[in-house]
């Protein structure tokens, strides 16, 4: 079953499906789910990189859920890094939650400001 938004709905997620490749930046006030490949920067409230998802670019978000691969810096309020996640770059965060068996090859930097 597919879900569609209508004019009355004010929030709908941006979903990049498995097998999809996108080159370009994404900017939204809502959620972005990535299950395919993105080359570009993402600015959103919540960014979810699913298993098999890959982002090559900068992430700026309130909350990050990393299950897949991120090759680039991220500046977030809350970072949730799950098992089998891969990341290279600098991860700036206020709150960091890490599960076992992650493949982090990045610099961790606690943010000094309180990101909204």
N, C-alpha and C. Protein backbone atom coordinates (compact mmCIF):
# COMPACT_ATOMS: atom_id res chain seq x y z
N UNK A 1 0.84 -1.17 0.00
CA UNK A 1 0.00 0.00 0.00
C UNK A 1 0.89 1.23 0.00
N UNK A 2 0.56 2.20 -0.82
CA UNK A 2 1.30 3.44 -0.90
C UNK A 2 0.56 4.53 -0.14
N UNK A 3 1.32 5.40 0.48
CA UNK A 3 0.72 6.53 1.19
C UNK A 3 1.04 7.80 0.43
N UNK A 4 0.05 8.62 0.22
CA UNK A 4 0.24 9.88 -0.46
C UNK A 4 -0.19 11.01 0.46
N UNK A 5 0.41 12.15 0.29
CA UNK A 5 0.01 13.31 1.09
C UNK A 5 -0.99 14.12 0.29
N UNK A 6 -1.73 14.95 1.00
CA UNK A 6 -2.66 15.83 0.32
C UNK A 6 -2.43 17.26 0.80
N UNK A 7 -3.20 18.20 0.27
CA UNK A 7 -2.98 19.61 0.58
C UNK A 7 -3.17 19.92 2.06
N UNK A 8 -3.94 19.12 2.80
CA UNK A 8 -4.19 19.38 4.21
C UNK A 8 -3.03 18.93 5.09
N UNK A 9 -2.23 18.00 4.60
CA UNK A 9 -1.10 17.51 5.38
C UNK A 9 0.06 18.48 5.25
N UNK A 10 0.65 18.81 6.38
CA UNK A 10 1.73 19.80 6.40
C UNK A 10 3.11 19.15 6.44
N UNK A 11 3.19 17.87 6.75
CA UNK A 11 4.48 17.19 6.80
C UNK A 11 4.40 15.89 6.03
N UNK A 12 5.39 15.67 5.21
CA UNK A 12 5.52 14.38 4.55
C UNK A 12 7.01 14.10 4.41
N UNK A 13 7.43 12.85 4.63
CA UNK A 13 8.86 12.55 4.53
C UNK A 13 9.33 12.53 3.08
N UNK A 14 10.59 12.83 2.91
CA UNK A 14 11.24 12.66 1.61
C UNK A 14 11.93 11.32 1.67
N UNK A 15 11.60 10.43 0.74
CA UNK A 15 12.14 9.06 0.77
C UNK A 15 12.90 8.81 -0.53
N UNK A 16 14.17 8.44 -0.38
CA UNK A 16 14.99 8.01 -1.51
C UNK A 16 15.09 6.50 -1.42
N UNK A 17 14.41 5.81 -2.31
CA UNK A 17 14.29 4.35 -2.23
C UNK A 17 15.54 3.61 -2.63
N UNK A 18 15.59 2.34 -2.24
CA UNK A 18 16.69 1.47 -2.62
C UNK A 18 16.79 1.41 -4.13
N UNK A 19 18.01 1.47 -4.64
CA UNK A 19 18.24 1.44 -6.08
C UNK A 19 18.20 2.81 -6.73
N UNK A 20 17.76 3.82 -6.00
CA UNK A 20 17.69 5.19 -6.52
C UNK A 20 19.02 5.89 -6.28
N UNK A 21 19.49 6.64 -7.28
CA UNK A 21 20.71 7.45 -7.14
C UNK A 21 20.33 8.90 -7.39
N UNK A 22 20.74 9.77 -6.46
CA UNK A 22 20.42 11.19 -6.56
C UNK A 22 21.68 12.00 -6.39
N UNK A 23 21.90 12.96 -7.29
CA UNK A 23 22.99 13.90 -7.16
C UNK A 23 22.37 15.28 -7.00
N UNK A 24 22.62 15.90 -5.86
CA UNK A 24 22.07 17.21 -5.57
C UNK A 24 21.79 17.34 -4.08
N UNK A 25 21.44 18.54 -3.66
CA UNK A 25 21.20 18.81 -2.25
C UNK A 25 19.72 18.68 -1.92
N UNK A 26 19.44 18.30 -0.67
CA UNK A 26 18.07 18.21 -0.16
C UNK A 26 17.96 19.15 1.03
N UNK A 27 16.92 19.99 1.02
CA UNK A 27 16.67 20.89 2.14
C UNK A 27 15.18 20.85 2.46
N UNK A 28 14.85 20.48 3.71
CA UNK A 28 13.47 20.39 4.13
C UNK A 28 13.38 20.59 5.64
N UNK A 29 12.20 20.95 6.11
CA UNK A 29 11.97 21.09 7.55
C UNK A 29 11.51 19.77 8.16
N UNK A 30 11.40 18.74 7.36
CA UNK A 30 10.81 17.48 7.81
C UNK A 30 11.84 16.35 7.79
N UNK A 31 11.38 15.14 7.62
CA UNK A 31 12.21 13.94 7.66
C UNK A 31 12.68 13.54 6.27
N UNK A 32 13.93 13.08 6.20
CA UNK A 32 14.47 12.51 4.97
C UNK A 32 14.93 11.09 5.28
N UNK A 33 14.44 10.11 4.51
CA UNK A 33 14.85 8.71 4.65
C UNK A 33 15.62 8.33 3.39
N UNK A 34 16.81 7.78 3.60
CA UNK A 34 17.65 7.39 2.47
C UNK A 34 17.89 5.89 2.51
N UNK A 35 17.45 5.22 1.45
CA UNK A 35 17.70 3.79 1.30
C UNK A 35 18.50 3.52 0.03
N UNK A 36 18.72 4.58 -0.76
CA UNK A 36 19.52 4.52 -1.98
C UNK A 36 20.82 5.26 -1.79
N UNK A 37 21.31 5.90 -2.86
CA UNK A 37 22.59 6.62 -2.84
C UNK A 37 22.37 8.11 -3.13
N UNK A 38 22.94 8.96 -2.28
CA UNK A 38 22.88 10.40 -2.49
C UNK A 38 24.29 10.97 -2.50
N UNK A 39 24.56 11.80 -3.50
CA UNK A 39 25.77 12.60 -3.52
C UNK A 39 25.31 14.05 -3.42
N UNK A 40 25.48 14.63 -2.25
CA UNK A 40 25.03 16.00 -2.02
C UNK A 40 24.79 16.21 -0.54
N UNK A 41 24.46 17.44 -0.18
CA UNK A 41 24.25 17.82 1.21
C UNK A 41 22.77 17.69 1.58
N UNK A 42 22.52 17.36 2.86
CA UNK A 42 21.15 17.22 3.34
C UNK A 42 20.96 18.10 4.57
N UNK A 43 19.95 18.94 4.52
CA UNK A 43 19.53 19.74 5.66
C UNK A 43 18.08 19.38 5.94
N UNK A 44 17.81 18.86 7.16
CA UNK A 44 16.47 18.41 7.50
C UNK A 44 16.31 18.35 9.01
N UNK A 45 15.08 18.18 9.46
CA UNK A 45 14.85 18.00 10.89
C UNK A 45 15.40 16.64 11.33
N UNK A 46 15.00 15.58 10.62
CA UNK A 46 15.45 14.22 10.93
C UNK A 46 16.00 13.60 9.65
N UNK A 47 17.18 13.00 9.74
CA UNK A 47 17.77 12.27 8.62
C UNK A 47 17.95 10.82 9.05
N UNK A 48 17.38 9.91 8.25
CA UNK A 48 17.50 8.47 8.50
C UNK A 48 18.23 7.87 7.31
N UNK A 49 19.40 7.31 7.57
CA UNK A 49 20.13 6.60 6.52
C UNK A 49 19.97 5.12 6.83
N UNK A 50 19.14 4.46 6.05
CA UNK A 50 18.81 3.06 6.28
C UNK A 50 19.93 2.12 5.89
N UNK A 51 19.78 0.85 6.28
CA UNK A 51 20.75 -0.17 5.85
C UNK A 51 20.78 -0.20 4.35
N UNK A 52 21.95 -0.16 3.79
CA UNK A 52 22.09 -0.12 2.34
C UNK A 52 22.07 1.30 1.80
N UNK A 53 21.65 2.27 2.61
CA UNK A 53 21.65 3.66 2.19
C UNK A 53 23.05 4.24 2.29
N UNK A 54 23.36 5.18 1.39
CA UNK A 54 24.69 5.77 1.36
C UNK A 54 24.56 7.25 1.03
N UNK A 55 25.24 8.08 1.84
CA UNK A 55 25.28 9.53 1.58
C UNK A 55 26.74 9.95 1.49
N UNK A 56 27.06 10.65 0.41
CA UNK A 56 28.37 11.25 0.24
C UNK A 56 28.14 12.76 0.23
N UNK A 57 28.24 13.37 1.41
CA UNK A 57 27.98 14.80 1.53
C UNK A 57 27.81 15.19 2.98
N UNK A 58 27.45 16.43 3.20
CA UNK A 58 27.30 17.01 4.54
C UNK A 58 25.86 16.85 5.02
N UNK A 59 25.74 16.49 6.32
CA UNK A 59 24.41 16.39 6.96
C UNK A 59 24.30 17.49 8.01
N UNK A 60 23.19 18.21 8.00
CA UNK A 60 22.88 19.18 9.03
C UNK A 60 21.44 18.90 9.45
N UNK A 61 21.26 18.40 10.70
CA UNK A 61 19.93 17.98 11.13
C UNK A 61 19.79 18.07 12.64
N UNK A 62 18.56 18.05 13.08
CA UNK A 62 18.30 17.97 14.51
C UNK A 62 18.66 16.57 15.01
N UNK A 63 18.24 15.54 14.25
CA UNK A 63 18.49 14.16 14.68
C UNK A 63 18.91 13.31 13.49
N UNK A 64 19.91 12.46 13.73
CA UNK A 64 20.42 11.54 12.72
C UNK A 64 20.28 10.11 13.22
N UNK A 65 19.71 9.25 12.37
CA UNK A 65 19.64 7.81 12.62
C UNK A 65 20.49 7.17 11.53
N UNK A 66 21.67 6.66 11.91
CA UNK A 66 22.61 6.12 10.94
C UNK A 66 22.66 4.60 11.04
N UNK A 67 22.09 3.95 10.02
CA UNK A 67 22.14 2.49 9.90
C UNK A 67 23.03 2.10 8.73
N UNK A 68 23.19 3.00 7.77
CA UNK A 68 23.95 2.75 6.55
C UNK A 68 25.31 3.42 6.56
N UNK A 69 25.65 4.11 5.46
CA UNK A 69 26.98 4.70 5.29
C UNK A 69 26.90 6.20 5.07
N UNK A 70 27.73 6.93 5.79
CA UNK A 70 27.84 8.38 5.62
C UNK A 70 29.31 8.70 5.40
N UNK A 71 29.60 9.31 4.26
CA UNK A 71 30.96 9.73 3.94
C UNK A 71 30.93 11.26 3.84
N UNK A 72 31.17 11.91 4.97
CA UNK A 72 31.13 13.36 5.02
C UNK A 72 30.82 13.82 6.42
N UNK A 73 30.94 15.10 6.67
CA UNK A 73 30.70 15.60 8.02
C UNK A 73 29.21 15.66 8.34
N UNK A 74 28.90 15.63 9.64
CA UNK A 74 27.52 15.78 10.10
C UNK A 74 27.51 16.67 11.33
N UNK A 75 26.57 17.59 11.37
CA UNK A 75 26.36 18.45 12.52
C UNK A 75 24.91 18.26 12.96
N UNK A 76 24.73 17.61 14.13
CA UNK A 76 23.39 17.24 14.59
C UNK A 76 23.24 17.50 16.08
N UNK A 77 22.02 17.58 16.52
CA UNK A 77 21.74 17.68 17.94
C UNK A 77 21.86 16.29 18.58
N UNK A 78 21.16 15.31 18.00
CA UNK A 78 21.18 13.94 18.52
C UNK A 78 21.65 13.00 17.41
N UNK A 79 22.68 12.23 17.69
CA UNK A 79 23.20 11.25 16.74
C UNK A 79 22.93 9.85 17.28
N UNK A 80 22.24 9.04 16.49
CA UNK A 80 21.96 7.64 16.84
C UNK A 80 22.68 6.78 15.81
N UNK A 81 23.71 6.07 16.24
CA UNK A 81 24.53 5.28 15.33
C UNK A 81 24.32 3.81 15.68
N UNK A 82 23.82 3.04 14.72
CA UNK A 82 23.43 1.65 14.96
C UNK A 82 24.47 0.67 14.44
N UNK A 83 24.32 -0.59 14.83
CA UNK A 83 25.28 -1.62 14.43
C UNK A 83 25.35 -1.67 12.90
N UNK A 84 26.52 -1.94 12.41
CA UNK A 84 26.86 -2.02 10.98
C UNK A 84 26.89 -0.68 10.27
N UNK A 85 26.65 0.43 10.99
CA UNK A 85 26.76 1.76 10.38
C UNK A 85 28.22 2.07 10.09
N UNK A 86 28.45 2.83 9.03
CA UNK A 86 29.78 3.25 8.63
C UNK A 86 29.78 4.76 8.49
N UNK A 87 30.84 5.40 8.98
CA UNK A 87 30.96 6.85 8.82
C UNK A 87 32.41 7.27 8.77
N UNK A 88 32.69 8.20 7.83
CA UNK A 88 33.97 8.87 7.74
C UNK A 88 33.70 10.36 7.71
N UNK A 89 34.50 11.14 8.43
CA UNK A 89 34.31 12.58 8.50
C UNK A 89 34.28 13.04 9.95
N UNK A 90 33.69 14.18 10.20
CA UNK A 90 33.56 14.73 11.56
C UNK A 90 32.09 14.67 11.95
N UNK A 91 31.82 14.10 13.11
CA UNK A 91 30.47 14.04 13.65
C UNK A 91 30.38 15.00 14.84
N UNK A 92 29.68 16.12 14.65
CA UNK A 92 29.44 17.07 15.73
C UNK A 92 28.05 16.79 16.29
N UNK A 93 27.94 16.71 17.61
CA UNK A 93 26.69 16.29 18.24
C UNK A 93 26.55 16.94 19.61
N UNK A 94 25.32 16.96 20.14
CA UNK A 94 25.07 17.29 21.54
C UNK A 94 24.86 16.00 22.34
N UNK A 95 24.12 15.06 21.75
CA UNK A 95 23.87 13.77 22.39
C UNK A 95 24.26 12.68 21.41
N UNK A 96 25.01 11.68 21.89
CA UNK A 96 25.48 10.59 21.03
C UNK A 96 25.06 9.25 21.60
N UNK A 97 24.36 8.46 20.79
CA UNK A 97 23.95 7.10 21.15
C UNK A 97 24.56 6.15 20.14
N UNK A 98 25.41 5.22 20.61
CA UNK A 98 26.10 4.29 19.71
C UNK A 98 25.79 2.86 20.11
N UNK A 99 25.39 2.04 19.11
CA UNK A 99 25.22 0.60 19.31
C UNK A 99 26.55 -0.10 19.01
N UNK A 100 26.63 -1.36 19.34
CA UNK A 100 27.85 -2.13 19.11
C UNK A 100 28.11 -2.36 17.62
N UNK A 101 29.35 -2.70 17.30
CA UNK A 101 29.78 -3.11 15.96
C UNK A 101 29.64 -2.03 14.89
N UNK A 102 29.80 -0.77 15.26
CA UNK A 102 29.75 0.28 14.25
C UNK A 102 31.12 0.43 13.61
N UNK A 103 31.13 0.94 12.39
CA UNK A 103 32.37 1.15 11.67
C UNK A 103 32.70 2.63 11.58
N UNK A 104 32.79 3.27 12.72
CA UNK A 104 33.09 4.70 12.73
C UNK A 104 34.58 4.91 12.52
N UNK A 105 34.90 5.69 11.51
CA UNK A 105 36.27 6.12 11.25
C UNK A 105 36.26 7.64 11.20
N UNK A 106 35.60 8.23 12.18
CA UNK A 106 35.40 9.67 12.14
C UNK A 106 35.87 10.32 13.43
N UNK A 107 35.99 11.62 13.37
CA UNK A 107 36.30 12.41 14.56
C UNK A 107 34.98 12.76 15.23
N UNK A 108 34.90 12.54 16.54
CA UNK A 108 33.71 12.90 17.30
C UNK A 108 33.96 14.24 17.98
N UNK A 109 33.01 15.17 17.85
CA UNK A 109 33.17 16.51 18.42
C UNK A 109 31.88 16.90 19.12
N UNK A 110 31.93 17.03 20.43
CA UNK A 110 30.78 17.46 21.21
C UNK A 110 30.51 18.92 20.88
N UNK A 111 29.27 19.23 20.49
CA UNK A 111 28.89 20.60 20.17
C UNK A 111 28.83 21.45 21.42
N UNK A 112 29.22 22.69 21.30
CA UNK A 112 29.18 23.59 22.43
C UNK A 112 27.88 24.37 22.46
N UNK A 113 27.24 24.53 21.32
CA UNK A 113 25.97 25.24 21.27
C UNK A 113 24.82 24.27 21.39
N UNK A 114 23.67 24.76 21.69
CA UNK A 114 22.45 23.94 21.76
C UNK A 114 21.68 24.16 20.46
N UNK A 115 21.78 23.22 19.54
CA UNK A 115 21.08 23.34 18.26
C UNK A 115 19.60 23.13 18.46
N UNK A 116 18.80 23.95 17.81
CA UNK A 116 17.34 23.84 17.93
C UNK A 116 16.82 22.83 16.96
